[in-house]
């Protein structure tokens, strides 16, 4: 592996960073809101699954207890 001096490394890093397409403020806001919505929907889904499993276990254990 070839070694580069620190100055060349910094130049290469700056060159690569300039190629990055940064998201706009609107895109960041929109994706953030979507993440919160998906997290809320996932929480509701797993809460309902938990309630279903809990009630199922209560009924099965109630038959034997």
C-alpha atoms as a PDB file:
ATOM      1  CA  UNK A   1       0.000   0.000   0.000  1.00  0.00           C
ATOM      2  CA  UNK A   2       1.441   3.356  -1.019  1.00  0.00           C
ATOM      3  CA  UNK A   3       1.861   5.973   1.646  1.00  0.00           C
ATOM      4  CA  UNK A   4       0.770   9.547   1.098  1.00  0.00           C
ATOM      5  CA  UNK A   5       1.873  12.591   2.964  1.00  0.00           C
ATOM      6  CA  UNK A   6      -0.682  14.451   5.132  1.00  0.00           C
ATOM      7  CA  UNK A   7      -1.065  17.305   2.638  1.00  0.00           C
ATOM      8  CA  UNK A   8      -2.029  14.921  -0.181  1.00  0.00           C
ATOM      9  CA  UNK A   9      -4.398  13.103   2.135  1.00  0.00           C
ATOM     10  CA  UNK A  10      -6.191  16.320   3.054  1.00  0.00           C
ATOM     11  CA  UNK A  11      -6.444  17.296  -0.606  1.00  0.00           C
ATOM     12  CA  UNK A  12      -7.929  13.903  -1.452  1.00  0.00           C
ATOM     13  CA  UNK A  13     -10.424  14.159   1.395  1.00  0.00           C
ATOM     14  CA  UNK A  14     -11.521  17.629   0.280  1.00  0.00           C
ATOM     15  CA  UNK A  15     -11.878  16.365  -3.288  1.00  0.00           C
ATOM     16  CA  UNK A  16     -14.085  13.472  -2.186  1.00  0.00           C
ATOM     17  CA  UNK A  17     -16.196  15.629   0.142  1.00  0.00           C
ATOM     18  CA  UNK A  18     -16.880  18.044  -2.714  1.00  0.00           C
ATOM     19  CA  UNK A  19     -18.483  15.157  -4.646  1.00  0.00           C
ATOM     20  CA  UNK A  20     -21.056  14.508  -1.911  1.00  0.00           C
ATOM     21  CA  UNK A  21     -24.602  15.604  -2.703  1.00  0.00           C
ATOM     22  CA  UNK A  22     -25.956  17.018   0.545  1.00  0.00           C
ATOM     23  CA  UNK A  23     -29.714  16.853   1.228  1.00  0.00           C
ATOM     24  CA  UNK A  24     -31.759  20.030   1.358  1.00  0.00           C
ATOM     25  CA  UNK A  25     -33.384  21.237   4.562  1.00  0.00           C
ATOM     26  CA  UNK A  26     -36.784  20.154   3.213  1.00  0.00           C
ATOM     27  CA  UNK A  27     -35.523  16.622   2.479  1.00  0.00           C
ATOM     28  CA  UNK A  28     -34.056  16.311   5.971  1.00  0.00           C
ATOM     29  CA  UNK A  29     -37.289  17.539   7.567  1.00  0.00           C
ATOM     30  CA  UNK A  30     -39.415  15.220   5.442  1.00  0.00           C
ATOM     31  CA  UNK A  31     -37.344  12.118   6.168  1.00  0.00           C
ATOM     32  CA  UNK A  32     -37.224  12.970   9.886  1.00  0.00           C
ATOM     33  CA  UNK A  33     -41.011  13.232  10.026  1.00  0.00           C
ATOM     34  CA  UNK A  34     -41.340   9.950   8.135  1.00  0.00           C
ATOM     35  CA  UNK A  35     -39.005   8.218  10.601  1.00  0.00           C
ATOM     36  CA  UNK A  36     -41.112   9.428  13.538  1.00  0.00           C
ATOM     37  CA  UNK A  37     -44.332   8.290  11.825  1.00  0.00           C
ATOM     38  CA  UNK A  38     -42.901   4.848  11.060  1.00  0.00           C
ATOM     39  CA  UNK A  39     -41.603   4.515  14.636  1.00  0.00           C
ATOM     40  CA  UNK A  40     -45.055   5.385  15.994  1.00  0.00           C
ATOM     41  CA  UNK A  41     -46.778   2.902  13.664  1.00  0.00           C
ATOM     42  CA  UNK A  42     -44.303   0.196  14.630  1.00  0.00           C
ATOM     43  CA  UNK A  43     -44.881   0.899  18.333  1.00  0.00           C
ATOM     44  CA  UNK A  44     -48.658   0.653  17.876  1.00  0.00           C
ATOM     45  CA  UNK A  45     -48.320  -2.589  15.902  1.00  0.00           C
ATOM     46  CA  UNK A  46     -46.154  -4.274  18.524  1.00  0.00           C
ATOM     47  CA  UNK A  47     -48.389  -3.010  21.336  1.00  0.00           C
ATOM     48  CA  UNK A  48     -51.381  -4.644  19.628  1.00  0.00           C
ATOM     49  CA  UNK A  49     -49.438  -7.877  19.069  1.00  0.00           C
ATOM     50  CA  UNK A  50     -48.435  -7.838  22.740  1.00  0.00           C
ATOM     51  CA  UNK A  51     -52.034  -7.352  23.829  1.00  0.00           C
ATOM     52  CA  UNK A  52     -53.160 -10.211  21.594  1.00  0.00           C
ATOM     53  CA  UNK A  53     -50.517 -12.584  22.938  1.00  0.00           C
ATOM     54  CA  UNK A  54     -51.288 -11.552  26.525  1.00  0.00           C
ATOM     55  CA  UNK A  55     -55.021 -12.171  26.123  1.00  0.00           C
ATOM     56  CA  UNK A  56     -54.372 -15.479  24.365  1.00  0.00           C
ATOM     57  CA  UNK A  57     -52.130 -16.659  27.183  1.00  0.00           C
ATOM     58  CA  UNK A  58     -54.653 -15.524  29.803  1.00  0.00           C
ATOM     59  CA  UNK A  59     -57.402 -17.552  28.127  1.00  0.00           C
ATOM     60  CA  UNK A  60     -55.197 -20.667  27.738  1.00  0.00           C
ATOM     61  CA  UNK A  61     -53.957 -20.462  31.317  1.00  0.00           C
ATOM     62  CA  UNK A  62     -57.484 -19.741  32.554  1.00  0.00           C
ATOM     63  CA  UNK A  63     -58.673 -23.049  31.111  1.00  0.00           C
ATOM     64  CA  UNK A  64     -56.061 -24.962  33.113  1.00  0.00           C
ATOM     65  CA  UNK A  65     -55.977 -22.851  36.270  1.00  0.00           C
END
